[in-house]
Amino acid sequence: MVEGISHEVYYVFSQARLNLVWPELDRVLPLNISRPIVKQIWESYDQIDREKQGAPSTYFLRESQRILNPLLNQKLGRPADHPTWNNLLAYALREHISKQMYLKRIDLTDQDKRFKTFFVE
């Protein structure tokens, strides 16, 4: 887990879903600020000890929480520890989060478990 990031966001976030986050992030931060920061975070993953840092998505969430959350809070005039980045991610990924929460509530019988892979990404 990543401090400051909810379980729901952590569970559904992936680099491929970053395209869902851009429109929301662009509303708060200008492109010339947000895009280079995000690009730098992804590129820095190649220069670190991967065993120590974990999966790329975990690394990105940790670093973006550390860098983008204070920046967003400063821009919006919020307290430094306000969960703005997590909330933005949760909003941008809401459909995926909703889908995963629904699937977690389904109690599949042993016979139906073979179909689970068709519904979970």
PDB file of N, CA and C in Angstrom:
ATOM      1  N   MET A   1       0.827  -1.191   0.000  1.00  0.00           N
ATOM      2  CA  MET A   1       0.000   0.000   0.000  1.00  0.00           C
ATOM      3  C   MET A   1       0.873   1.257   0.000  1.00  0.00           C
ATOM      4  N   VAL A   2       0.237   2.339  -0.372  1.00  0.00           N
ATOM      5  CA  VAL A   2       0.926   3.619  -0.459  1.00  0.00           C
ATOM      6  C   VAL A   2       0.232   4.590   0.495  1.00  0.00           C
ATOM      7  N   GLU A   3       1.014   5.200   1.357  1.00  0.00           N
ATOM      8  CA  GLU A   3       0.447   6.147   2.311  1.00  0.00           C
ATOM      9  C   GLU A   3      -0.213   7.309   1.572  1.00  0.00           C
ATOM     10  N   GLY A   4      -1.445   7.612   1.951  1.00  0.00           N
ATOM     11  CA  GLY A   4      -2.182   8.704   1.335  1.00  0.00           C
ATOM     12  C   GLY A   4      -3.031   8.291   0.142  1.00  0.00           C
ATOM     13  N   ILE A   5      -2.898   7.040  -0.291  1.00  0.00           N
ATOM     14  CA  ILE A   5      -3.668   6.526  -1.424  1.00  0.00           C
ATOM     15  C   ILE A   5      -4.616   5.448  -0.912  1.00  0.00           C
ATOM     16  N   SER A   6      -5.878   5.565  -1.256  1.00  0.00           N
ATOM     17  CA  SER A   6      -6.878   4.608  -0.771  1.00  0.00           C
ATOM     18  C   SER A   6      -6.676   3.226  -1.392  1.00  0.00           C
ATOM     19  N   HIS A   7      -7.185   2.218  -0.716  1.00  0.00           N
ATOM     20  CA  HIS A   7      -7.107   0.848  -1.212  1.00  0.00           C
ATOM     21  C   HIS A   7      -7.757   0.738  -2.594  1.00  0.00           C
ATOM     22  N   GLU A   8      -8.877   1.408  -2.772  1.00  0.00           N
ATOM     23  CA  GLU A   8      -9.615   1.328  -4.028  1.00  0.00           C
ATOM     24  C   GLU A   8      -8.791   1.873  -5.196  1.00  0.00           C
ATOM     25  N   VAL A   9      -8.170   3.014  -4.989  1.00  0.00           N
ATOM     26  CA  VAL A   9      -7.333   3.607  -6.037  1.00  0.00           C
ATOM     27  C   VAL A   9      -6.122   2.725  -6.291  1.00  0.00           C
ATOM     28  N   TYR A  10      -5.485   2.279  -5.232  1.00  0.00           N
ATOM     29  CA  TYR A  10      -4.305   1.425  -5.360  1.00  0.00           C
ATOM     30  C   TYR A  10      -4.619   0.163  -6.154  1.00  0.00           C
ATOM     31  N   TYR A  11      -5.762  -0.397  -5.912  1.00  0.00           N
ATOM     32  CA  TYR A  11      -6.151  -1.658  -6.533  1.00  0.00           C
ATOM     33  C   TYR A  11      -6.404  -1.524  -8.037  1.00  0.00           C
ATOM     34  N   VAL A  12      -6.978  -0.412  -8.471  1.00  0.00           N
ATOM     35  CA  VAL A  12      -7.352  -0.291  -9.894  1.00  0.00           C
ATOM     36  C   VAL A  12      -6.376   0.530 -10.729  1.00  0.00           C
ATOM     37  N   PHE A  13      -5.461   1.268 -10.108  1.00  0.00           N
ATOM     38  CA  PHE A  13      -4.576   2.132 -10.884  1.00  0.00           C
ATOM     39  C   PHE A  13      -3.570   1.318 -11.692  1.00  0.00           C
ATOM     40  N   SER A  14      -3.333   1.765 -12.908  1.00  0.00           N
ATOM     41  CA  SER A  14      -2.274   1.218 -13.759  1.00  0.00           C
ATOM     42  C   SER A  14      -1.815   2.328 -14.695  1.00  0.00           C
ATOM     43  N   GLN A  15      -0.651   2.147 -15.279  1.00  0.00           N
ATOM     44  CA  GLN A  15      -0.128   3.150 -16.207  1.00  0.00           C
ATOM     45  C   GLN A  15      -1.073   3.328 -17.390  1.00  0.00           C
ATOM     46  N   ALA A  16      -1.693   2.249 -17.808  1.00  0.00           N
ATOM     47  CA  ALA A  16      -2.625   2.322 -18.942  1.00  0.00           C
ATOM     48  C   ALA A  16      -3.840   3.193 -18.631  1.00  0.00           C
ATOM     49  N   ARG A  17      -4.191   3.311 -17.376  1.00  0.00           N
ATOM     50  CA  ARG A  17      -5.362   4.113 -16.992  1.00  0.00           C
ATOM     51  C   ARG A  17      -5.018   5.567 -16.698  1.00  0.00           C
ATOM     52  N   LEU A  18      -3.771   5.917 -16.863  1.00  0.00           N
ATOM     53  CA  LEU A  18      -3.362   7.304 -16.632  1.00  0.00           C
ATOM     54  C   LEU A  18      -4.085   8.253 -17.579  1.00  0.00           C
ATOM     55  N   ASN A  19      -4.466   7.756 -18.752  1.00  0.00           N
ATOM     56  CA  ASN A  19      -5.200   8.609 -19.700  1.00  0.00           C
ATOM     57  C   ASN A  19      -6.529   9.079 -19.126  1.00  0.00           C
ATOM     58  N   LEU A  20      -7.085   8.371 -18.163  1.00  0.00           N
ATOM     59  CA  LEU A  20      -8.322   8.805 -17.509  1.00  0.00           C
ATOM     60  C   LEU A  20      -8.058   9.924 -16.501  1.00  0.00           C
ATOM     61  N   VAL A  21      -6.829  10.023 -16.045  1.00  0.00           N
ATOM     62  CA  VAL A  21      -6.459  11.005 -15.016  1.00  0.00           C
ATOM     63  C   VAL A  21      -6.104  12.354 -15.634  1.00  0.00           C
ATOM     64  N   TRP A  22      -5.539  12.340 -16.849  1.00  0.00           N
ATOM     65  CA  TRP A  22      -5.079  13.593 -17.467  1.00  0.00           C
ATOM     66  C   TRP A  22      -6.133  14.693 -17.496  1.00  0.00           C
ATOM     67  N   PRO A  23      -7.355  14.434 -17.960  1.00  0.00           N
ATOM     68  CA  PRO A  23      -8.325  15.538 -18.030  1.00  0.00           C
ATOM     69  C   PRO A  23      -8.578  16.204 -16.673  1.00  0.00           C
ATOM     70  N   GLU A  24      -8.608  15.401 -15.619  1.00  0.00           N
ATOM     71  CA  GLU A  24      -8.853  15.963 -14.283  1.00  0.00           C
ATOM     72  C   GLU A  24      -7.636  16.726 -13.777  1.00  0.00           C
ATOM     73  N   LEU A  25      -6.455  16.178 -14.011  1.00  0.00           N
ATOM     74  CA  LEU A  25      -5.233  16.843 -13.577  1.00  0.00           C
ATOM     75  C   LEU A  25      -5.023  18.144 -14.346  1.00  0.00           C
ATOM     76  N   ASP A  26      -5.346  18.126 -15.631  1.00  0.00           N
ATOM     77  CA  ASP A  26      -5.172  19.324 -16.464  1.00  0.00           C
ATOM     78  C   ASP A  26      -6.097  20.470 -16.048  1.00  0.00           C
ATOM     79  N   ARG A  27      -7.175  20.158 -15.364  1.00  0.00           N
ATOM     80  CA  ARG A  27      -8.077  21.223 -14.884  1.00  0.00           C
ATOM     81  C   ARG A  27      -7.463  22.021 -13.751  1.00  0.00           C
ATOM     82  N   VAL A  28      -6.530  21.388 -13.044  1.00  0.00           N
ATOM     83  CA  VAL A  28      -5.936  22.037 -11.870  1.00  0.00           C
ATOM     84  C   VAL A  28      -4.540  22.590 -12.172  1.00  0.00           C
ATOM     85  N   LEU A  29      -3.731  21.791 -12.850  1.00  0.00           N
ATOM     86  CA  LEU A  29      -2.357  22.198 -13.158  1.00  0.00           C
ATOM     87  C   LEU A  29      -2.184  22.371 -14.663  1.00  0.00           C
ATOM     88  N   PRO A  30      -1.457  23.391 -15.080  1.00  0.00           N
ATOM     89  CA  PRO A  30      -1.193  23.561 -16.514  1.00  0.00           C
ATOM     90  C   PRO A  30      -0.405  22.371 -17.065  1.00  0.00           C
ATOM     91  N   LEU A  31      -0.618  22.084 -18.335  1.00  0.00           N
ATOM     92  CA  LEU A  31       0.064  20.960 -18.990  1.00  0.00           C
ATOM     93  C   LEU A  31       1.579  21.045 -18.861  1.00  0.00           C
ATOM     94  N   ASN A  32       2.117  22.252 -18.958  1.00  0.00           N
ATOM     95  CA  ASN A  32       3.571  22.403 -18.917  1.00  0.00           C
ATOM     96  C   ASN A  32       4.156  22.109 -17.532  1.00  0.00           C
ATOM     97  N   ILE A  33       3.308  21.956 -16.534  1.00  0.00           N
ATOM     98  CA  ILE A  33       3.772  21.584 -15.190  1.00  0.00           C
ATOM     99  C   ILE A  33       3.507  20.102 -14.926  1.00  0.00           C
ATOM    100  N   SER A  34       2.273  19.665 -15.135  1.00  0.00           N
ATOM    101  CA  SER A  34       1.892  18.296 -14.761  1.00  0.00           C
ATOM    102  C   SER A  34       2.533  17.233 -15.644  1.00  0.00           C
ATOM    103  N   ARG A  35       2.540  17.428 -16.934  1.00  0.00           N
ATOM    104  CA  ARG A  35       3.056  16.389 -17.848  1.00  0.00           C
ATOM    105  C   ARG A  35       4.544  16.088 -17.626  1.00  0.00           C
ATOM    106  N   PRO A  36       5.412  17.111 -17.514  1.00  0.00           N
ATOM    107  CA  PRO A  36       6.824  16.796 -17.253  1.00  0.00           C
ATOM    108  C   PRO A  36       7.049  16.086 -15.910  1.00  0.00           C
ATOM    109  N   ILE A  37       6.265  16.444 -14.899  1.00  0.00           N
ATOM    110  CA  ILE A  37       6.411  15.791 -13.593  1.00  0.00           C
ATOM    111  C   ILE A  37       6.053  14.320 -13.699  1.00  0.00           C
ATOM    112  N   VAL A  38       4.932  14.026 -14.333  1.00  0.00           N
ATOM    113  CA  VAL A  38       4.492  12.640 -14.479  1.00  0.00           C
ATOM    114  C   VAL A  38       5.495  11.858 -15.329  1.00  0.00           C
ATOM    115  N   LYS A  39       5.962  12.453 -16.395  1.00  0.00           N
ATOM    116  CA  LYS A  39       6.949  11.791 -17.256  1.00  0.00           C
ATOM    117  C   LYS A  39       8.231  11.500 -16.478  1.00  0.00           C
ATOM    118  N   GLN A  40       8.659  12.451 -15.667  1.00  0.00           N
ATOM    119  CA  GLN A  40       9.875  12.284 -14.874  1.00  0.00           C
ATOM    120  C   GLN A  40       9.715  11.156 -13.854  1.00  0.00           C
ATOM    121  N   ILE A  41       8.544  11.041 -13.252  1.00  0.00           N
ATOM    122  CA  ILE A  41       8.305   9.968 -12.278  1.00  0.00           C
ATOM    123  C   ILE A  41       8.423   8.611 -12.958  1.00  0.00           C
ATOM    124  N   TRP A  42       7.766   8.456 -14.115  1.00  0.00           N
ATOM    125  CA  TRP A  42       7.842   7.172 -14.826  1.00  0.00           C
ATOM    126  C   TRP A  42       9.268   6.868 -15.252  1.00  0.00           C
ATOM    127  N   GLU A  43       9.989   7.866 -15.750  1.00  0.00           N
ATOM    128  CA  GLU A  43      11.358   7.641 -16.199  1.00  0.00           C
ATOM    129  C   GLU A  43      12.295   7.325 -15.037  1.00  0.00           C
ATOM    130  N   SER A  44      12.036   7.902 -13.878  1.00  0.00           N
ATOM    131  CA  SER A  44      12.904   7.647 -12.725  1.00  0.00           C
ATOM    132  C   SER A  44      12.783   6.215 -12.225  1.00  0.00           C
ATOM    133  N   TYR A  45      11.688   5.557 -12.551  1.00  0.00           N
ATOM    134  CA  TYR A  45      11.520   4.158 -12.139  1.00  0.00           C
ATOM    135  C   TYR A  45      12.599   3.269 -12.757  1.00  0.00           C
ATOM    136  N   ASP A  46      13.045   3.608 -13.951  1.00  0.00           N
ATOM    137  CA  ASP A  46      14.074   2.813 -14.619  1.00  0.00           C
ATOM    138  C   ASP A  46      15.443   2.949 -13.952  1.00  0.00           C
ATOM    139  N   GLN A  47      15.608   3.956 -13.121  1.00  0.00           N
ATOM    140  CA  GLN A  47      16.906   4.223 -12.510  1.00  0.00           C
ATOM    141  C   GLN A  47      16.988   3.804 -11.051  1.00  0.00           C
ATOM    142  N   ILE A  48      15.995   3.106 -10.560  1.00  0.00           N
ATOM    143  CA  ILE A  48      15.967   2.741  -9.147  1.00  0.00           C
ATOM    144  C   ILE A  48      16.075   1.231  -8.974  1.00  0.00           C
ATOM    145  N   ASP A  49      16.264   0.821  -7.735  1.00  0.00           N
ATOM    146  CA  ASP A  49      16.273  -0.597  -7.392  1.00  0.00           C
ATOM    147  C   ASP A  49      14.831  -1.076  -7.357  1.00  0.00           C
ATOM    148  N   ARG A  50      14.431  -1.806  -8.358  1.00  0.00           N
ATOM    149  CA  ARG A  50      13.028  -2.212  -8.508  1.00  0.00           C
ATOM    150  C   ARG A  50      12.556  -3.135  -7.404  1.00  0.00           C
ATOM    151  N   GLU A  51      13.431  -3.982  -6.916  1.00  0.00           N
ATOM    152  CA  GLU A  51      13.027  -4.871  -5.820  1.00  0.00           C
ATOM    153  C   GLU A  51      12.664  -4.066  -4.581  1.00  0.00           C
ATOM    154  N   LYS A  52      13.381  -3.002  -4.363  1.00  0.00           N
ATOM    155  CA  LYS A  52      13.147  -2.151  -3.194  1.00  0.00           C
ATOM    156  C   LYS A  52      11.880  -1.299  -3.358  1.00  0.00           C
ATOM    157  N   GLN A  53      11.610  -0.856  -4.588  1.00  0.00           N
ATOM    158  CA  GLN A  53      10.502   0.068  -4.821  1.00  0.00           C
ATOM    159  C   GLN A  53       9.190  -0.609  -5.202  1.00  0.00           C
ATOM    160  N   GLY A  54       9.226  -1.853  -5.636  1.00  0.00           N
ATOM    161  CA  GLY A  54       7.995  -2.550  -5.994  1.00  0.00           C
ATOM    162  C   GLY A  54       7.587  -2.334  -7.441  1.00  0.00           C
ATOM    163  N   ALA A  55       6.333  -2.618  -7.711  1.00  0.00           N
ATOM    164  CA  ALA A  55       5.784  -2.523  -9.065  1.00  0.00           C
ATOM    165  C   ALA A  55       5.790  -1.074  -9.552  1.00  0.00           C
ATOM    166  N   PRO A  56       5.808  -0.879 -10.873  1.00  0.00           N
ATOM    167  CA  PRO A  56       5.802   0.492 -11.417  1.00  0.00           C
ATOM    168  C   PRO A  56       4.614   1.320 -10.943  1.00  0.00           C
ATOM    169  N   SER A  57       3.431   0.721 -10.890  1.00  0.00           N
ATOM    170  CA  SER A  57       2.256   1.491 -10.463  1.00  0.00           C
ATOM    171  C   SER A  57       2.372   1.903  -8.997  1.00  0.00           C
ATOM    172  N   THR A  58       2.923   1.033  -8.161  1.00  0.00           N
ATOM    173  CA  THR A  58       3.121   1.373  -6.745  1.00  0.00           C
ATOM    174  C   THR A  58       4.119   2.511  -6.614  1.00  0.00           C
ATOM    175  N   TYR A  59       5.209   2.410  -7.349  1.00  0.00           N
ATOM    176  CA  TYR A  59       6.223   3.466  -7.337  1.00  0.00           C
ATOM    177  C   TYR A  59       5.619   4.789  -7.795  1.00  0.00           C
ATOM    178  N   PHE A  60       4.853   4.749  -8.891  1.00  0.00           N
ATOM    179  CA  PHE A  60       4.248   5.976  -9.402  1.00  0.00           C
ATOM    180  C   PHE A  60       3.294   6.590  -8.376  1.00  0.00           C
ATOM    181  N   LEU A  61       2.455   5.779  -7.769  1.00  0.00           N
ATOM    182  CA  LEU A  61       1.515   6.315  -6.780  1.00  0.00           C
ATOM    183  C   LEU A  61       2.253   6.935  -5.594  1.00  0.00           C
ATOM    184  N   ARG A  62       3.317   6.274  -5.132  1.00  0.00           N
ATOM    185  CA  ARG A  62       4.082   6.801  -4.000  1.00  0.00           C
ATOM    186  C   ARG A  62       4.735   8.134  -4.366  1.00  0.00           C
ATOM    187  N   GLU A  63       5.406   8.172  -5.524  1.00  0.00           N
ATOM    188  CA  GLU A  63       6.103   9.392  -5.926  1.00  0.00           C
ATOM    189  C   GLU A  63       5.137  10.518  -6.297  1.00  0.00           C
ATOM    190  N   SER A  64       4.060  10.189  -6.970  1.00  0.00           N
ATOM    191  CA  SER A  64       3.100  11.236  -7.335  1.00  0.00           C
ATOM    192  C   SER A  64       2.401  11.778  -6.092  1.00  0.00           C
ATOM    193  N   GLN A  65       2.175  10.925  -5.110  1.00  0.00           N
ATOM    194  CA  GLN A  65       1.599  11.392  -3.845  1.00  0.00           C
ATOM    195  C   GLN A  65       2.574  12.354  -3.174  1.00  0.00           C
ATOM    196  N   ARG A  66       3.835  12.025  -3.205  1.00  0.00           N
ATOM    197  CA  ARG A  66       4.867  12.847  -2.567  1.00  0.00           C
ATOM    198  C   ARG A  66       5.061  14.180  -3.294  1.00  0.00           C
ATOM    199  N   ILE A  67       4.992  14.168  -4.627  1.00  0.00           N
ATOM    200  CA  ILE A  67       5.287  15.372  -5.421  1.00  0.00           C
ATOM    201  C   ILE A  67       4.028  16.150  -5.795  1.00  0.00           C
ATOM    202  N   LEU A  68       3.044  15.470  -6.357  1.00  0.00           N
ATOM    203  CA  LEU A  68       1.862  16.164  -6.886  1.00  0.00           C
ATOM    204  C   LEU A  68       0.879  16.604  -5.810  1.00  0.00           C
ATOM    205  N   ASN A  69       0.709  15.815  -4.760  1.00  0.00           N
ATOM    206  CA  ASN A  69      -0.286  16.191  -3.753  1.00  0.00           C
ATOM    207  C   ASN A  69       0.014  17.552  -3.135  1.00  0.00           C
ATOM    208  N   PRO A  70       1.252  17.819  -2.672  1.00  0.00           N
ATOM    209  CA  PRO A  70       1.521  19.166  -2.129  1.00  0.00           C
ATOM    210  C   PRO A  70       1.357  20.273  -3.171  1.00  0.00           C
ATOM    211  N   LEU A  71       1.740  19.982  -4.398  1.00  0.00           N
ATOM    212  CA  LEU A  71       1.615  20.962  -5.477  1.00  0.00           C
ATOM    213  C   LEU A  71       0.140  21.296  -5.743  1.00  0.00           C
ATOM    214  N   LEU A  72      -0.693  20.263  -5.807  1.00  0.00           N
ATOM    215  CA  LEU A  72      -2.132  20.475  -6.003  1.00  0.00           C
ATOM    216  C   LEU A  72      -2.740  21.241  -4.829  1.00  0.00           C
ATOM    217  N   ASN A  73      -2.354  20.873  -3.624  1.00  0.00           N
ATOM    218  CA  ASN A  73      -2.892  21.548  -2.444  1.00  0.00           C
ATOM    219  C   ASN A  73      -2.472  23.017  -2.394  1.00  0.00           C
ATOM    220  N   GLN A  74      -1.239  23.292  -2.772  1.00  0.00           N
ATOM    221  CA  GLN A  74      -0.779  24.681  -2.805  1.00  0.00           C
ATOM    222  C   GLN A  74      -1.573  25.472  -3.837  1.00  0.00           C
ATOM    223  N   LYS A  75      -1.760  24.895  -5.000  1.00  0.00           N
ATOM    224  CA  LYS A  75      -2.499  25.570  -6.078  1.00  0.00           C
ATOM    225  C   LYS A  75      -3.943  25.847  -5.670  1.00  0.00           C
ATOM    226  N   LEU A  76      -4.548  24.906  -4.928  1.00  0.00           N
ATOM    227  CA  LEU A  76      -5.953  25.046  -4.529  1.00  0.00           C
ATOM    228  C   LEU A  76      -6.139  25.705  -3.162  1.00  0.00           C
ATOM    229  N   GLY A  77      -5.037  26.065  -2.510  1.00  0.00           N
ATOM    230  CA  GLY A  77      -5.119  26.728  -1.212  1.00  0.00           C
ATOM    231  C   GLY A  77      -5.619  25.815  -0.099  1.00  0.00           C
ATOM    232  N   ARG A  78      -5.257  24.557  -0.169  1.00  0.00           N
ATOM    233  CA  ARG A  78      -5.692  23.582   0.835  1.00  0.00           C
ATOM    234  C   ARG A  78      -4.532  23.259   1.774  1.00  0.00           C
ATOM    235  N   PRO A  79      -4.849  22.673   2.925  1.00  0.00           N
ATOM    236  CA  PRO A  79      -3.774  22.235   3.812  1.00  0.00           C
ATOM    237  C   PRO A  79      -2.883  21.212   3.106  1.00  0.00           C
ATOM    238  N   ALA A  80      -1.613  21.195   3.461  1.00  0.00           N
ATOM    239  CA  ALA A  80      -0.636  20.342   2.782  1.00  0.00           C
ATOM    240  C   ALA A  80      -0.986  18.862   2.823  1.00  0.00           C
ATOM    241  N   ASP A  81      -1.663  18.426   3.886  1.00  0.00           N
ATOM    242  CA  ASP A  81      -1.963  16.999   4.019  1.00  0.00           C
ATOM    243  C   ASP A  81      -3.344  16.607   3.478  1.00  0.00           C
ATOM    244  N   HIS A  82      -4.030  17.523   2.827  1.00  0.00           N
ATOM    245  CA  HIS A  82      -5.346  17.195   2.257  1.00  0.00           C
ATOM    246  C   HIS A  82      -5.160  16.152   1.151  1.00  0.00           C
ATOM    247  N   PRO A  83      -6.034  15.141   1.059  1.00  0.00           N
ATOM    248  CA  PRO A  83      -5.853  14.052   0.084  1.00  0.00           C
ATOM    249  C   PRO A  83      -6.317  14.406  -1.338  1.00  0.00           C
ATOM    250  N   THR A  84      -5.889  15.539  -1.844  1.00  0.00           N
ATOM    251  CA  THR A  84      -6.334  16.003  -3.151  1.00  0.00           C
ATOM    252  C   THR A  84      -5.965  15.034  -4.272  1.00  0.00           C
ATOM    253  N   TRP A  85      -4.723  14.562  -4.287  1.00  0.00           N
ATOM    254  CA  TRP A  85      -4.288  13.656  -5.356  1.00  0.00           C
ATOM    255  C   TRP A  85      -5.077  12.352  -5.313  1.00  0.00           C
ATOM    256  N   ASN A  86      -5.257  11.793  -4.136  1.00  0.00           N
ATOM    257  CA  ASN A  86      -6.051  10.570  -4.008  1.00  0.00           C
ATOM    258  C   ASN A  86      -7.486  10.811  -4.480  1.00  0.00           C
ATOM    259  N   ASN A  87      -8.062  11.915  -4.085  1.00  0.00           N
ATOM    260  CA  ASN A  87      -9.439  12.218  -4.488  1.00  0.00           C
ATOM    261  C   ASN A  87      -9.555  12.409  -5.999  1.00  0.00           C
ATOM    262  N   LEU A  88      -8.564  13.057  -6.596  1.00  0.00           N
ATOM    263  CA  LEU A  88      -8.567  13.243  -8.042  1.00  0.00           C
ATOM    264  C   LEU A  88      -8.471  11.889  -8.748  1.00  0.00           C
ATOM    265  N   LEU A  89      -7.574  11.025  -8.266  1.00  0.00           N
ATOM    266  CA  LEU A  89      -7.446   9.684  -8.842  1.00  0.00           C
ATOM    267  C   LEU A  89      -8.742   8.894  -8.676  1.00  0.00           C
ATOM    268  N   ALA A  90      -9.328   8.960  -7.487  1.00  0.00           N
ATOM    269  CA  ALA A  90     -10.571   8.224  -7.230  1.00  0.00           C
ATOM    270  C   ALA A  90     -11.691   8.698  -8.146  1.00  0.00           C
ATOM    271  N   TYR A  91     -11.749   9.996  -8.379  1.00  0.00           N
ATOM    272  CA  TYR A  91     -12.775  10.531  -9.272  1.00  0.00           C
ATOM    273  C   TYR A  91     -12.529  10.079 -10.711  1.00  0.00           C
ATOM    274  N   ALA A  92     -11.292  10.188 -11.162  1.00  0.00           N
ATOM    275  CA  ALA A  92     -10.964   9.820 -12.542  1.00  0.00           C
ATOM    276  C   ALA A  92     -11.148   8.325 -12.795  1.00  0.00           C
ATOM    277  N   LEU A  93     -10.932   7.519 -11.777  1.00  0.00           N
ATOM    278  CA  LEU A  93     -11.019   6.058 -11.910  1.00  0.00           C
ATOM    279  C   LEU A  93     -12.311   5.489 -11.341  1.00  0.00           C
ATOM    280  N   ARG A  94     -13.287   6.350 -11.093  1.00  0.00           N
ATOM    281  CA  ARG A  94     -14.507   5.939 -10.396  1.00  0.00           C
ATOM    282  C   ARG A  94     -15.240   4.769 -11.049  1.00  0.00           C
ATOM    283  N   GLU A  95     -15.270   4.725 -12.350  1.00  0.00           N
ATOM    284  CA  GLU A  95     -15.967   3.619 -13.014  1.00  0.00           C
ATOM    285  C   GLU A  95     -15.253   2.293 -12.771  1.00  0.00           C
ATOM    286  N   HIS A  96     -13.937   2.308 -12.814  1.00  0.00           N
ATOM    287  CA  HIS A  96     -13.172   1.089 -12.558  1.00  0.00           C
ATOM    288  C   HIS A  96     -13.284   0.674 -11.093  1.00  0.00           C
ATOM    289  N   ILE A  97     -13.262   1.658 -10.206  1.00  0.00           N
ATOM    290  CA  ILE A  97     -13.406   1.363  -8.782  1.00  0.00           C
ATOM    291  C   ILE A  97     -14.781   0.772  -8.516  1.00  0.00           C
ATOM    292  N   SER A  98     -15.799   1.373  -9.079  1.00  0.00           N
ATOM    293  CA  SER A  98     -17.163   0.878  -8.897  1.00  0.00           C
ATOM    294  C   SER A  98     -17.301  -0.552  -9.404  1.00  0.00           C
ATOM    295  N   LYS A  99     -16.728  -0.819 -10.547  1.00  0.00           N
ATOM    296  CA  LYS A  99     -16.790  -2.159 -11.137  1.00  0.00           C
ATOM    297  C   LYS A  99     -16.095  -3.180 -10.240  1.00  0.00           C
ATOM    298  N   GLN A 100     -14.920  -2.835  -9.741  1.00  0.00           N
ATOM    299  CA  GLN A 100     -14.189  -3.764  -8.880  1.00  0.00           C
ATOM    300  C   GLN A 100     -14.905  -3.986  -7.550  1.00  0.00           C
ATOM    301  N   MET A 101     -15.497  -2.932  -6.993  1.00  0.00           N
ATOM    302  CA  MET A 101     -16.222  -3.086  -5.733  1.00  0.00           C
ATOM    303  C   MET A 101     -17.442  -3.982  -5.939  1.00  0.00           C
ATOM    304  N   TYR A 102     -18.098  -3.852  -7.067  1.00  0.00           N
ATOM    305  CA  TYR A 102     -19.246  -4.702  -7.377  1.00  0.00           C
ATOM    306  C   TYR A 102     -18.801  -6.158  -7.496  1.00  0.00           C
ATOM    307  N   LEU A 103     -17.703  -6.386  -8.195  1.00  0.00           N
ATOM    308  CA  LEU A 103     -17.234  -7.752  -8.395  1.00  0.00           C
ATOM    309  C   LEU A 103     -16.772  -8.386  -7.088  1.00  0.00           C
ATOM    310  N   LYS A 104     -16.241  -7.594  -6.179  1.00  0.00           N
ATOM    311  CA  LYS A 104     -15.819  -8.133  -4.883  1.00  0.00           C
ATOM    312  C   LYS A 104     -17.016  -8.600  -4.064  1.00  0.00           C
ATOM    313  N   ARG A 105     -18.169  -7.968  -4.277  1.00  0.00           N
ATOM    314  CA  ARG A 105     -19.359  -8.331  -3.506  1.00  0.00           C
ATOM    315  C   ARG A 105     -20.036  -9.587  -4.030  1.00  0.00           C
ATOM    316  N   ILE A 106     -19.702  -9.991  -5.251  1.00  0.00           N
ATOM    317  CA  ILE A 106     -20.322 -11.177  -5.819  1.00  0.00           C
ATOM    318  C   ILE A 106     -19.713 -12.404  -5.162  1.00  0.00           C
ATOM    319  N   ASP A 107     -20.542 -13.216  -4.587  1.00  0.00           N
ATOM    320  CA  ASP A 107     -20.077 -14.431  -3.958  1.00  0.00           C
ATOM    321  C   ASP A 107     -20.183 -15.557  -4.985  1.00  0.00           C
ATOM    322  N   LEU A 108     -19.078 -15.889  -5.608  1.00  0.00           N
ATOM    323  CA  LEU A 108     -19.094 -16.894  -6.651  1.00  0.00           C
ATOM    324  C   LEU A 108     -19.008 -18.292  -6.043  1.00  0.00           C
ATOM    325  N   THR A 109     -19.803 -19.174  -6.556  1.00  0.00           N
ATOM    326  CA  THR A 109     -19.698 -20.567  -6.133  1.00  0.00           C
ATOM    327  C   THR A 109     -18.490 -21.177  -6.824  1.00  0.00           C
ATOM    328  N   ASP A 110     -18.037 -22.319  -6.369  1.00  0.00           N
ATOM    329  CA  ASP A 110     -16.883 -22.982  -6.990  1.00  0.00           C
ATOM    330  C   ASP A 110     -17.124 -23.231  -8.472  1.00  0.00           C
ATOM    331  N   GLN A 111     -18.329 -23.563  -8.832  1.00  0.00           N
ATOM    332  CA  GLN A 111     -18.652 -23.846 -10.223  1.00  0.00           C
ATOM    333  C   GLN A 111     -18.538 -22.586 -11.087  1.00  0.00           C
ATOM    334  N   ASP A 112     -18.865 -21.430 -10.517  1.00  0.00           N
ATOM    335  CA  ASP A 112     -18.857 -20.186 -11.282  1.00  0.00           C
ATOM    336  C   ASP A 112     -17.499 -19.486 -11.308  1.00  0.00           C
ATOM    337  N   LYS A 113     -16.546 -19.903 -10.507  1.00  0.00           N
ATOM    338  CA  LYS A 113     -15.252 -19.212 -10.424  1.00  0.00           C
ATOM    339  C   LYS A 113     -14.516 -19.196 -11.751  1.00  0.00           C
ATOM    340  N   ARG A 114     -14.746 -20.160 -12.611  1.00  0.00           N
ATOM    341  CA  ARG A 114     -14.063 -20.186 -13.898  1.00  0.00           C
ATOM    342  C   ARG A 114     -14.489 -19.022 -14.784  1.00  0.00           C
ATOM    343  N   PHE A 115     -15.641 -18.431 -14.514  1.00  0.00           N
ATOM    344  CA  PHE A 115     -16.110 -17.297 -15.305  1.00  0.00           C
ATOM    345  C   PHE A 115     -15.609 -15.951 -14.796  1.00  0.00           C
ATOM    346  N   LYS A 116     -15.031 -15.956 -13.629  1.00  0.00           N
ATOM    347  CA  LYS A 116     -14.593 -14.702 -13.013  1.00  0.00           C
ATOM    348  C   LYS A 116     -13.605 -13.934 -13.894  1.00  0.00           C
ATOM    349  N   THR A 117     -12.729 -14.633 -14.594  1.00  0.00           N
ATOM    350  CA  THR A 117     -11.725 -13.956 -15.402  1.00  0.00           C
ATOM    351  C   THR A 117     -12.330 -13.145 -16.538  1.00  0.00           C
ATOM    352  N   PHE A 118     -13.546 -13.424 -16.939  1.00  0.00           N
ATOM    353  CA  PHE A 118     -14.171 -12.656 -17.999  1.00  0.00           C
ATOM    354  C   PHE A 118     -14.636 -11.281 -17.521  1.00  0.00           C
ATOM    355  N   PHE A 119     -14.773 -11.110 -16.210  1.00  0.00           N
ATOM    356  CA  PHE A 119     -15.304  -9.863 -15.678  1.00  0.00           C
ATOM    357  C   PHE A 119     -14.261  -8.998 -15.005  1.00  0.00           C
ATOM    358  N   VAL A 120     -13.138  -9.540 -14.666  1.00  0.00           N
ATOM    359  CA  VAL A 120     -12.106  -8.782 -13.968  1.00  0.00           C
ATOM    360  C   VAL A 120     -10.977  -8.492 -14.939  1.00  0.00           C
ATOM    361  N   GLU A 121     -10.588  -7.214 -14.982  1.00  0.00           N
ATOM    362  CA  GLU A 121      -9.488  -6.837 -15.893  1.00  0.00           C
ATOM    363  C   GLU A 121      -8.173  -7.219 -15.292  1.00  0.00           C
TER     364      GLU A 121
END
